[in-house]
Amino acid sequence: MPIQELEKEILYFEQHREDLLKQHQGKFVLIKGDQCFGAYDTAENAYQEGARKFPGEAILIRQVLQEDLVNEMPAFCTGLLYASF
């Protein structure tokens, strides 16, 4: 899914991060358009609710943290080292 499909949701999250931190720090929020539809203890619970409310539609599920976590994995961990082109 192209990131452009979630531009509105990402913008909403960034604009409301401080408020979300006050109310839902550490939880996973379900965002569709410019609205938050709930905070959940797990990403799986947020996904299940999002799939129920918005079947087949793009939704954003983000953990509410002060700073976003960055996953750094060397290419060999993901199998890219052996990719053939």
Protein backbone atom coordinates (compact mmCIF):
# COMPACT_ATOMS: atom_id res chain seq x y z
CA MET A 1 0.00 0.00 0.00
CA PRO A 2 1.48 3.35 -0.99
CA ILE A 3 2.15 5.71 1.91
CA GLN A 4 0.04 8.37 0.15
CA GLU A 5 -3.08 6.37 1.05
CA LEU A 6 -2.43 7.07 4.72
CA GLU A 7 -1.24 10.69 4.47
CA LYS A 8 -4.31 12.09 6.24
CA GLU A 9 -4.06 9.52 9.04
CA ILE A 10 -0.32 10.10 9.57
CA LEU A 11 -0.85 13.86 9.65
CA TYR A 12 -3.65 13.45 12.19
CA PHE A 13 -1.41 11.29 14.41
CA GLU A 14 1.46 13.78 14.30
CA GLN A 15 -0.80 16.77 14.96
CA HIS A 16 -2.46 15.05 17.94
CA ARG A 17 0.53 13.14 19.35
CA GLU A 18 0.74 15.23 22.54
CA ASP A 19 -2.94 14.74 23.36
CA LEU A 20 -2.73 11.05 22.51
CA LEU A 21 0.31 10.70 24.78
CA LYS A 22 -1.61 12.22 27.69
CA GLN A 23 -4.52 9.84 27.25
CA HIS A 24 -3.15 6.69 25.62
CA GLN A 25 0.62 6.44 26.08
CA GLY A 26 1.90 3.01 25.10
CA LYS A 27 -1.40 1.92 23.57
CA PHE A 28 -2.17 1.32 19.90
CA VAL A 29 -4.56 3.78 18.29
CA LEU A 30 -6.82 3.11 15.33
CA ILE A 31 -7.02 6.11 12.99
CA LYS A 32 -9.17 6.47 9.90
CA GLY A 33 -9.23 9.79 8.07
CA ASP A 34 -8.93 12.56 10.62
CA GLN A 35 -10.45 10.68 13.53
CA CYS A 36 -9.20 8.31 16.22
CA PHE A 37 -11.53 5.33 16.68
CA GLY A 38 -10.03 3.92 19.87
CA ALA A 39 -6.95 2.92 21.81
CA TYR A 40 -6.09 -0.73 22.36
CA ASP A 41 -3.62 -2.70 24.46
CA THR A 42 -2.29 -4.60 21.44
CA ALA A 43 -1.84 -3.90 17.75
CA GLU A 44 -3.77 -7.10 17.05
CA ASN A 45 -6.83 -5.83 18.93
CA ALA A 46 -6.65 -2.51 17.09
CA TYR A 47 -6.36 -4.34 13.76
CA GLN A 48 -9.33 -6.59 14.51
CA GLU A 49 -11.51 -3.59 15.35
CA GLY A 50 -10.29 -1.71 12.28
CA ALA A 51 -11.04 -4.67 10.02
CA ARG A 52 -14.51 -4.93 11.55
CA LYS A 53 -15.32 -1.22 11.20
CA PHE A 54 -13.58 -0.58 7.87
CA PRO A 55 -13.39 -3.85 5.90
CA GLY A 56 -11.03 -3.60 2.94
CA GLU A 57 -10.13 0.04 3.66
CA ALA A 58 -6.78 1.55 4.57
CA ILE A 59 -6.41 2.27 8.29
CA LEU A 60 -3.52 3.44 10.44
CA ILE A 61 -2.55 1.65 13.63
CA ARG A 62 0.24 3.34 15.57
CA GLN A 63 1.63 2.86 19.03
CA VAL A 64 1.50 6.09 20.98
CA LEU A 65 5.08 6.83 22.01
CA GLN A 66 7.05 10.01 22.61
CA GLU A 67 9.30 9.09 19.68
CA ASP A 68 8.71 6.53 16.96
CA LEU A 69 10.70 3.33 17.18
CA VAL A 70 13.09 2.72 14.31
CA ASN A 71 13.81 -0.83 13.24
CA GLU A 72 17.29 -1.19 11.86
CA MET A 73 18.08 -4.57 10.41
CA PRO A 74 21.18 -5.39 8.41
CA ALA A 75 20.46 -6.67 4.92
CA PHE A 76 21.69 -10.15 5.77
CA CYS A 77 19.02 -10.46 8.49
CA THR A 78 16.23 -9.93 5.97
CA GLY A 79 17.74 -12.15 3.30
CA LEU A 80 18.63 -9.27 1.00
CA LEU A 81 22.30 -10.19 1.06
CA TYR A 82 21.51 -13.19 -1.12
CA ALA A 83 19.07 -11.45 -3.44
CA SER A 84 19.80 -11.96 -7.11
CA PHE A 85 18.95 -9.30 -9.66
